[in-house]
Amino acid sequence: MTDSVPPPSHANTFDAAAEAAALREQTRARRRKRLAVSRLDRYALELRALHGAGSTTAELQRWLSDRRVRVHHSTVARWLKRRLAG
């Protein structure tokens, strides 16, 4: 006695491209919008100038620390990557 599962009735009408497009649209709708402004935006000019002068992200982190802005150096690196790309 074998229980065979019948093929789904929609197997002949399944459109993978349409399903993928629908999933991508759902992803776009679910994607979180960034509402808050970064704490680093206040120092944008200084950070860009220091980075342009050859400062590392760790040095920029220390510079921010002197101004009582506590962030990880990877946050500074991501901020620079986003702001310098555009």
PDB file of N, CA and C in Angstrom:
ATOM      1  N   MET A   1       0.839  -1.158   0.000  1.00  0.00           N
ATOM      2  CA  MET A   1       0.000   0.000   0.000  1.00  0.00           C
ATOM      3  C   MET A   1       0.899   1.241   0.000  1.00  0.00           C
ATOM      4  N   THR A   2       0.965   1.897  -1.128  1.00  0.00           N
ATOM      5  CA  THR A   2       1.765   3.100  -1.237  1.00  0.00           C
ATOM      6  C   THR A   2       0.843   4.295  -1.392  1.00  0.00           C
ATOM      7  N   ASP A   3       1.155   5.301  -0.622  1.00  0.00           N
ATOM      8  CA  ASP A   3       0.378   6.539  -0.727  1.00  0.00           C
ATOM      9  C   ASP A   3       1.102   7.449  -1.693  1.00  0.00           C
ATOM     10  N   SER A   4       0.577   7.561  -2.857  1.00  0.00           N
ATOM     11  CA  SER A   4       1.195   8.467  -3.815  1.00  0.00           C
ATOM     12  C   SER A   4       0.462   9.798  -3.763  1.00  0.00           C
ATOM     13  N   VAL A   5       1.244  10.833  -3.774  1.00  0.00           N
ATOM     14  CA  VAL A   5       0.676  12.173  -3.707  1.00  0.00           C
ATOM     15  C   VAL A   5       0.397  12.618  -5.129  1.00  0.00           C
ATOM     16  N   PRO A   6      -0.820  12.983  -5.428  1.00  0.00           N
ATOM     17  CA  PRO A   6      -1.111  13.427  -6.789  1.00  0.00           C
ATOM     18  C   PRO A   6      -0.438  14.764  -7.064  1.00  0.00           C
ATOM     19  N   PRO A   7      -0.067  15.004  -8.303  1.00  0.00           N
ATOM     20  CA  PRO A   7       0.558  16.288  -8.622  1.00  0.00           C
ATOM     21  C   PRO A   7      -0.445  17.415  -8.419  1.00  0.00           C
ATOM     22  N   PRO A   8       0.047  18.571  -7.982  1.00  0.00           N
ATOM     23  CA  PRO A   8      -0.870  19.688  -7.771  1.00  0.00           C
ATOM     24  C   PRO A   8      -1.550  20.064  -9.081  1.00  0.00           C
ATOM     25  N   SER A   9      -2.773  20.508  -8.980  1.00  0.00           N
ATOM     26  CA  SER A   9      -3.536  20.828 -10.179  1.00  0.00           C
ATOM     27  C   SER A   9      -2.973  22.056 -10.896  1.00  0.00           C
ATOM     28  N   HIS A  10      -2.239  22.882 -10.194  1.00  0.00           N
ATOM     29  CA  HIS A  10      -1.687  24.090 -10.809  1.00  0.00           C
ATOM     30  C   HIS A  10      -0.297  23.853 -11.401  1.00  0.00           C
ATOM     31  N   ALA A  11       0.173  22.606 -11.418  1.00  0.00           N
ATOM     32  CA  ALA A  11       1.523  22.305 -11.897  1.00  0.00           C
ATOM     33  C   ALA A  11       1.711  22.728 -13.350  1.00  0.00           C
ATOM     34  N   ASN A  12       0.676  22.620 -14.131  1.00  0.00           N
ATOM     35  CA  ASN A  12       0.801  22.989 -15.540  1.00  0.00           C
ATOM     36  C   ASN A  12       0.717  24.488 -15.752  1.00  0.00           C
ATOM     37  N   THR A  13       0.187  25.217 -14.789  1.00  0.00           N
ATOM     38  CA  THR A  13       0.019  26.653 -14.959  1.00  0.00           C
ATOM     39  C   THR A  13       0.991  27.471 -14.110  1.00  0.00           C
ATOM     40  N   PHE A  14       1.921  26.829 -13.464  1.00  0.00           N
ATOM     41  CA  PHE A  14       2.872  27.531 -12.595  1.00  0.00           C
ATOM     42  C   PHE A  14       3.838  28.347 -13.441  1.00  0.00           C
ATOM     43  N   ASP A  15       3.950  29.633 -13.135  1.00  0.00           N
ATOM     44  CA  ASP A  15       4.850  30.532 -13.851  1.00  0.00           C
ATOM     45  C   ASP A  15       5.909  31.032 -12.862  1.00  0.00           C
ATOM     46  N   ALA A  16       7.083  30.455 -12.944  1.00  0.00           N
ATOM     47  CA  ALA A  16       8.150  30.787 -11.992  1.00  0.00           C
ATOM     48  C   ALA A  16       8.547  32.255 -12.077  1.00  0.00           C
ATOM     49  N   ALA A  17       8.601  32.811 -13.268  1.00  0.00           N
ATOM     50  CA  ALA A  17       8.998  34.214 -13.422  1.00  0.00           C
ATOM     51  C   ALA A  17       7.984  35.139 -12.759  1.00  0.00           C
ATOM     52  N   ALA A  18       6.710  34.831 -12.915  1.00  0.00           N
ATOM     53  CA  ALA A  18       5.671  35.661 -12.299  1.00  0.00           C
ATOM     54  C   ALA A  18       5.720  35.539 -10.773  1.00  0.00           C
ATOM     55  N   GLU A  19       5.947  34.333 -10.268  1.00  0.00           N
ATOM     56  CA  GLU A  19       6.049  34.130  -8.819  1.00  0.00           C
ATOM     57  C   GLU A  19       7.257  34.872  -8.256  1.00  0.00           C
ATOM     58  N   ALA A  20       8.382  34.809  -8.961  1.00  0.00           N
ATOM     59  CA  ALA A  20       9.596  35.507  -8.513  1.00  0.00           C
ATOM     60  C   ALA A  20       9.365  37.015  -8.498  1.00  0.00           C
ATOM     61  N   ALA A  21       8.688  37.529  -9.513  1.00  0.00           N
ATOM     62  CA  ALA A  21       8.395  38.962  -9.564  1.00  0.00           C
ATOM     63  C   ALA A  21       7.490  39.361  -8.401  1.00  0.00           C
ATOM     64  N   ALA A  22       6.505  38.521  -8.085  1.00  0.00           N
ATOM     65  CA  ALA A  22       5.609  38.808  -6.964  1.00  0.00           C
ATOM     66  C   ALA A  22       6.374  38.795  -5.645  1.00  0.00           C
ATOM     67  N   LEU A  23       7.297  37.858  -5.481  1.00  0.00           N
ATOM     68  CA  LEU A  23       8.098  37.789  -4.255  1.00  0.00           C
ATOM     69  C   LEU A  23       9.000  39.014  -4.122  1.00  0.00           C
ATOM     70  N   ARG A  24       9.604  39.460  -5.238  1.00  0.00           N
ATOM     71  CA  ARG A  24      10.446  40.660  -5.197  1.00  0.00           C
ATOM     72  C   ARG A  24       9.625  41.882  -4.804  1.00  0.00           C
ATOM     73  N   GLU A  25       8.412  41.971  -5.316  1.00  0.00           N
ATOM     74  CA  GLU A  25       7.538  43.095  -4.973  1.00  0.00           C
ATOM     75  C   GLU A  25       7.177  43.070  -3.492  1.00  0.00           C
ATOM     76  N   GLN A  26       6.918  41.880  -2.954  1.00  0.00           N
ATOM     77  CA  GLN A  26       6.642  41.758  -1.523  1.00  0.00           C
ATOM     78  C   GLN A  26       7.847  42.188  -0.699  1.00  0.00           C
ATOM     79  N   THR A  27       9.033  41.815  -1.146  1.00  0.00           N
ATOM     80  CA  THR A  27      10.258  42.203  -0.438  1.00  0.00           C
ATOM     81  C   THR A  27      10.405  43.715  -0.420  1.00  0.00           C
ATOM     82  N   ARG A  28      10.161  44.368  -1.558  1.00  0.00           N
ATOM     83  CA  ARG A  28      10.250  45.830  -1.617  1.00  0.00           C
ATOM     84  C   ARG A  28       9.247  46.475  -0.660  1.00  0.00           C
ATOM     85  N   ALA A  29       8.055  45.908  -0.587  1.00  0.00           N
ATOM     86  CA  ALA A  29       7.026  46.471   0.289  1.00  0.00           C
ATOM     87  C   ALA A  29       7.380  46.284   1.762  1.00  0.00           C
ATOM     88  N   ARG A  30       8.042  45.175   2.085  1.00  0.00           N
ATOM     89  CA  ARG A  30       8.384  44.883   3.484  1.00  0.00           C
ATOM     90  C   ARG A  30       9.648  45.575   3.950  1.00  0.00           C
ATOM     91  N   ARG A  31      10.492  45.981   3.011  1.00  0.00           N
ATOM     92  CA  ARG A  31      11.779  46.567   3.365  1.00  0.00           C
ATOM     93  C   ARG A  31      11.578  47.773   4.277  1.00  0.00           C
ATOM     94  N   ARG A  32      12.326  47.815   5.338  1.00  0.00           N
ATOM     95  CA  ARG A  32      12.198  48.877   6.332  1.00  0.00           C
ATOM     96  C   ARG A  32      12.727  50.193   5.777  1.00  0.00           C
ATOM     97  N   LYS A  33      11.965  51.216   5.932  1.00  0.00           N
ATOM     98  CA  LYS A  33      12.388  52.542   5.508  1.00  0.00           C
ATOM     99  C   LYS A  33      13.216  53.174   6.618  1.00  0.00           C
ATOM    100  N   ARG A  34      14.256  53.889   6.245  1.00  0.00           N
ATOM    101  CA  ARG A  34      15.105  54.554   7.225  1.00  0.00           C
ATOM    102  C   ARG A  34      14.522  55.926   7.513  1.00  0.00           C
ATOM    103  N   LEU A  35      14.026  56.099   8.711  1.00  0.00           N
ATOM    104  CA  LEU A  35      13.371  57.342   9.077  1.00  0.00           C
ATOM    105  C   LEU A  35      14.283  58.277   9.854  1.00  0.00           C
ATOM    106  N   ALA A  36      15.159  57.710  10.651  1.00  0.00           N
ATOM    107  CA  ALA A  36      16.002  58.522  11.523  1.00  0.00           C
ATOM    108  C   ALA A  36      17.238  59.036  10.784  1.00  0.00           C
ATOM    109  N   VAL A  37      17.732  60.141  11.225  1.00  0.00           N
ATOM    110  CA  VAL A  37      18.962  60.717  10.704  1.00  0.00           C
ATOM    111  C   VAL A  37      20.121  60.163  11.522  1.00  0.00           C
ATOM    112  N   SER A  38      21.216  59.868  10.879  1.00  0.00           N
ATOM    113  CA  SER A  38      22.372  59.331  11.584  1.00  0.00           C
ATOM    114  C   SER A  38      22.982  60.388  12.499  1.00  0.00           C
ATOM    115  N   ARG A  39      23.509  59.938  13.620  1.00  0.00           N
ATOM    116  CA  ARG A  39      24.206  60.855  14.522  1.00  0.00           C
ATOM    117  C   ARG A  39      25.465  61.409  13.863  1.00  0.00           C
ATOM    118  N   LEU A  40      25.968  60.698  12.872  1.00  0.00           N
ATOM    119  CA  LEU A  40      27.194  61.136  12.214  1.00  0.00           C
ATOM    120  C   LEU A  40      26.937  62.230  11.181  1.00  0.00           C
ATOM    121  N   ASP A  41      25.694  62.384  10.745  1.00  0.00           N
ATOM    122  CA  ASP A  41      25.376  63.405   9.742  1.00  0.00           C
ATOM    123  C   ASP A  41      25.725  64.805  10.223  1.00  0.00           C
ATOM    124  N   ARG A  42      25.656  65.003  11.529  1.00  0.00           N
ATOM    125  CA  ARG A  42      25.983  66.311  12.102  1.00  0.00           C
ATOM    126  C   ARG A  42      27.444  66.689  11.834  1.00  0.00           C
ATOM    127  N   TYR A  43      28.296  65.685  11.699  1.00  0.00           N
ATOM    128  CA  TYR A  43      29.734  65.904  11.508  1.00  0.00           C
ATOM    129  C   TYR A  43      30.178  65.547  10.092  1.00  0.00           C
ATOM    130  N   ALA A  44      29.266  65.578   9.134  1.00  0.00           N
ATOM    131  CA  ALA A  44      29.542  65.115   7.777  1.00  0.00           C
ATOM    132  C   ALA A  44      30.741  65.834   7.151  1.00  0.00           C
ATOM    133  N   LEU A  45      30.767  67.134   7.224  1.00  0.00           N
ATOM    134  CA  LEU A  45      31.863  67.885   6.599  1.00  0.00           C
ATOM    135  C   LEU A  45      33.212  67.528   7.212  1.00  0.00           C
ATOM    136  N   GLU A  46      33.248  67.476   8.532  1.00  0.00           N
ATOM    137  CA  GLU A  46      34.495  67.175   9.219  1.00  0.00           C
ATOM    138  C   GLU A  46      34.961  65.745   8.923  1.00  0.00           C
ATOM    139  N   LEU A  47      34.011  64.796   8.950  1.00  0.00           N
ATOM    140  CA  LEU A  47      34.380  63.396   8.706  1.00  0.00           C
ATOM    141  C   LEU A  47      34.899  63.196   7.287  1.00  0.00           C
ATOM    142  N   ARG A  48      34.235  63.834   6.327  1.00  0.00           N
ATOM    143  CA  ARG A  48      34.713  63.717   4.942  1.00  0.00           C
ATOM    144  C   ARG A  48      36.088  64.342   4.773  1.00  0.00           C
ATOM    145  N   ALA A  49      36.302  65.488   5.409  1.00  0.00           N
ATOM    146  CA  ALA A  49      37.603  66.160   5.308  1.00  0.00           C
ATOM    147  C   ALA A  49      38.701  65.327   5.960  1.00  0.00           C
ATOM    148  N   LEU A  50      38.438  64.796   7.140  1.00  0.00           N
ATOM    149  CA  LEU A  50      39.428  63.974   7.829  1.00  0.00           C
ATOM    150  C   LEU A  50      39.712  62.696   7.047  1.00  0.00           C
ATOM    151  N   HIS A  51      38.665  62.084   6.504  1.00  0.00           N
ATOM    152  CA  HIS A  51      38.863  60.870   5.702  1.00  0.00           C
ATOM    153  C   HIS A  51      39.679  61.189   4.451  1.00  0.00           C
ATOM    154  N   GLY A  52      39.372  62.321   3.828  1.00  0.00           N
ATOM    155  CA  GLY A  52      40.128  62.744   2.649  1.00  0.00           C
ATOM    156  C   GLY A  52      41.582  63.033   2.964  1.00  0.00           C
ATOM    157  N   ALA A  53      41.859  63.427   4.210  1.00  0.00           N
ATOM    158  CA  ALA A  53      43.231  63.715   4.636  1.00  0.00           C
ATOM    159  C   ALA A  53      43.972  62.445   5.044  1.00  0.00           C
ATOM    160  N   GLY A  54      43.286  61.293   4.967  1.00  0.00           N
ATOM    161  CA  GLY A  54      43.970  60.031   5.238  1.00  0.00           C
ATOM    162  C   GLY A  54      43.686  59.396   6.583  1.00  0.00           C
ATOM    163  N   SER A  55      42.722  59.894   7.327  1.00  0.00           N
ATOM    164  CA  SER A  55      42.399  59.300   8.625  1.00  0.00           C
ATOM    165  C   SER A  55      41.696  57.959   8.438  1.00  0.00           C
ATOM    166  N   THR A  56      42.004  57.021   9.313  1.00  0.00           N
ATOM    167  CA  THR A  56      41.344  55.716   9.276  1.00  0.00           C
ATOM    168  C   THR A  56      40.008  55.804  10.000  1.00  0.00           C
ATOM    169  N   THR A  57      39.198  54.769   9.844  1.00  0.00           N
ATOM    170  CA  THR A  57      37.900  54.771  10.517  1.00  0.00           C
ATOM    171  C   THR A  57      38.075  54.728  12.035  1.00  0.00           C
ATOM    172  N   ALA A  58      39.091  54.030  12.521  1.00  0.00           N
ATOM    173  CA  ALA A  58      39.347  53.987  13.962  1.00  0.00           C
ATOM    174  C   ALA A  58      39.743  55.375  14.477  1.00  0.00           C
ATOM    175  N   GLU A  59      40.516  56.105  13.686  1.00  0.00           N
ATOM    176  CA  GLU A  59      40.890  57.468  14.074  1.00  0.00           C
ATOM    177  C   GLU A  59      39.674  58.389  14.069  1.00  0.00           C
ATOM    178  N   LEU A  60      38.797  58.197  13.095  1.00  0.00           N
ATOM    179  CA  LEU A  60      37.565  58.989  13.056  1.00  0.00           C
ATOM    180  C   LEU A  60      36.673  58.666  14.250  1.00  0.00           C
ATOM    181  N   GLN A  61      36.662  57.398  14.643  1.00  0.00           N
ATOM    182  CA  GLN A  61      35.901  56.990  15.820  1.00  0.00           C
ATOM    183  C   GLN A  61      36.427  57.711  17.056  1.00  0.00           C
ATOM    184  N   ARG A  62      37.748  57.764  17.201  1.00  0.00           N
ATOM    185  CA  ARG A  62      38.331  58.463  18.345  1.00  0.00           C
ATOM    186  C   ARG A  62      38.014  59.956  18.294  1.00  0.00           C
ATOM    187  N   TRP A  63      38.045  60.543  17.104  1.00  0.00           N
ATOM    188  CA  TRP A  63      37.721  61.959  16.937  1.00  0.00           C
ATOM    189  C   TRP A  63      36.283  62.217  17.388  1.00  0.00           C
ATOM    190  N   LEU A  64      35.382  61.321  16.993  1.00  0.00           N
ATOM    191  CA  LEU A  64      33.980  61.449  17.412  1.00  0.00           C
ATOM    192  C   LEU A  64      33.833  61.252  18.918  1.00  0.00           C
ATOM    193  N   SER A  65      34.631  60.341  19.458  1.00  0.00           N
ATOM    194  CA  SER A  65      34.590  60.080  20.893  1.00  0.00           C
ATOM    195  C   SER A  65      34.956  61.332  21.686  1.00  0.00           C
ATOM    196  N   ASP A  66      35.902  62.108  21.168  1.00  0.00           N
ATOM    197  CA  ASP A  66      36.275  63.372  21.824  1.00  0.00           C
ATOM    198  C   ASP A  66      35.104  64.354  21.845  1.00  0.00           C
ATOM    199  N   ARG A  67      34.158  64.167  20.929  1.00  0.00           N
ATOM    200  CA  ARG A  67      32.969  65.019  20.860  1.00  0.00           C
ATOM    201  C   ARG A  67      31.755  64.345  21.477  1.00  0.00           C
ATOM    202  N   ARG A  68      32.011  63.306  22.276  1.00  0.00           N
ATOM    203  CA  ARG A  68      30.986  62.561  23.016  1.00  0.00           C
ATOM    204  C   ARG A  68      29.974  61.859  22.113  1.00  0.00           C
ATOM    205  N   VAL A  69      30.453  61.388  20.969  1.00  0.00           N
ATOM    206  CA  VAL A  69      29.628  60.580  20.075  1.00  0.00           C
ATOM    207  C   VAL A  69      30.219  59.184  20.100  1.00  0.00           C
ATOM    208  N   ARG A  70      29.492  58.243  20.707  1.00  0.00           N
ATOM    209  CA  ARG A  70      29.991  56.879  20.843  1.00  0.00           C
ATOM    210  C   ARG A  70      29.443  56.018  19.715  1.00  0.00           C
ATOM    211  N   VAL A  71      30.331  55.608  18.819  1.00  0.00           N
ATOM    212  CA  VAL A  71      29.973  54.710  17.724  1.00  0.00           C
ATOM    213  C   VAL A  71      31.119  53.737  17.526  1.00  0.00           C
ATOM    214  N   HIS A  72      30.816  52.615  16.909  1.00  0.00           N
ATOM    215  CA  HIS A  72      31.828  51.621  16.586  1.00  0.00           C
ATOM    216  C   HIS A  72      32.505  52.036  15.285  1.00  0.00           C
ATOM    217  N   HIS A  73      33.771  51.668  15.124  1.00  0.00           N
ATOM    218  CA  HIS A  73      34.475  52.081  13.910  1.00  0.00           C
ATOM    219  C   HIS A  73      33.836  51.491  12.657  1.00  0.00           C
ATOM    220  N   SER A  74      33.161  50.334  12.783  1.00  0.00           N
ATOM    221  CA  SER A  74      32.486  49.770  11.609  1.00  0.00           C
ATOM    222  C   SER A  74      31.282  50.625  11.210  1.00  0.00           C
ATOM    223  N   THR A  75      30.666  51.283  12.179  1.00  0.00           N
ATOM    224  CA  THR A  75      29.570  52.201  11.873  1.00  0.00           C
ATOM    225  C   THR A  75      30.093  53.384  11.079  1.00  0.00           C
ATOM    226  N   VAL A  76      31.257  53.878  11.470  1.00  0.00           N
ATOM    227  CA  VAL A  76      31.883  54.985  10.741  1.00  0.00           C
ATOM    228  C   VAL A  76      32.214  54.531   9.319  1.00  0.00           C
ATOM    229  N   ALA A  77      32.724  53.316   9.175  1.00  0.00           N
ATOM    230  CA  ALA A  77      33.071  52.800   7.848  1.00  0.00           C
ATOM    231  C   ALA A  77      31.829  52.673   6.965  1.00  0.00           C
ATOM    232  N   ARG A  78      30.735  52.154   7.523  1.00  0.00           N
ATOM    233  CA  ARG A  78      29.494  52.034   6.743  1.00  0.00           C
ATOM    234  C   ARG A  78      28.947  53.412   6.377  1.00  0.00           C
ATOM    235  N   TRP A  79      29.016  54.354   7.300  1.00  0.00           N
ATOM    236  CA  TRP A  79      28.536  55.707   7.038  1.00  0.00           C
ATOM    237  C   TRP A  79      29.334  56.331   5.894  1.00  0.00           C
ATOM    238  N   LEU A  80      30.646  56.193   5.967  1.00  0.00           N
ATOM    239  CA  LEU A  80      31.495  56.736   4.900  1.00  0.00           C
ATOM    240  C   LEU A  80      31.194  56.086   3.561  1.00  0.00           C
ATOM    241  N   LYS A  81      31.011  54.782   3.570  1.00  0.00           N
ATOM    242  CA  LYS A  81      30.737  54.062   2.320  1.00  0.00           C
ATOM    243  C   LYS A  81      29.457  54.577   1.682  1.00  0.00           C
ATOM    244  N   ARG A  82      28.419  54.778   2.495  1.00  0.00           N
ATOM    245  CA  ARG A  82      27.151  55.282   1.962  1.00  0.00           C
ATOM    246  C   ARG A  82      27.270  56.726   1.498  1.00  0.00           C
ATOM    247  N   ARG A  83      27.940  57.563   2.266  1.00  0.00           N
ATOM    248  CA  ARG A  83      27.977  58.996   1.947  1.00  0.00           C
ATOM    249  C   ARG A  83      28.965  59.330   0.837  1.00  0.00           C
ATOM    250  N   LEU A  84      30.045  58.569   0.742  1.00  0.00           N
ATOM    251  CA  LEU A  84      31.032  58.874  -0.307  1.00  0.00           C
ATOM    252  C   LEU A  84      30.640  58.280  -1.652  1.00  0.00           C
ATOM    253  N   ALA A  85      29.749  57.282  -1.631  1.00  0.00           N
ATOM    254  CA  ALA A  85      29.318  56.660  -2.877  1.00  0.00           C
ATOM    255  C   ALA A  85      28.383  57.585  -3.650  1.00  0.00           C
ATOM    256  N   GLY A  86      27.633  58.403  -2.926  1.00  0.00           N
ATOM    257  CA  GLY A  86      26.614  59.221  -3.589  1.00  0.00           C
ATOM    258  C   GLY A  86      27.032  60.611  -3.900  1.00  0.00           C
TER     259      GLY A  86
END
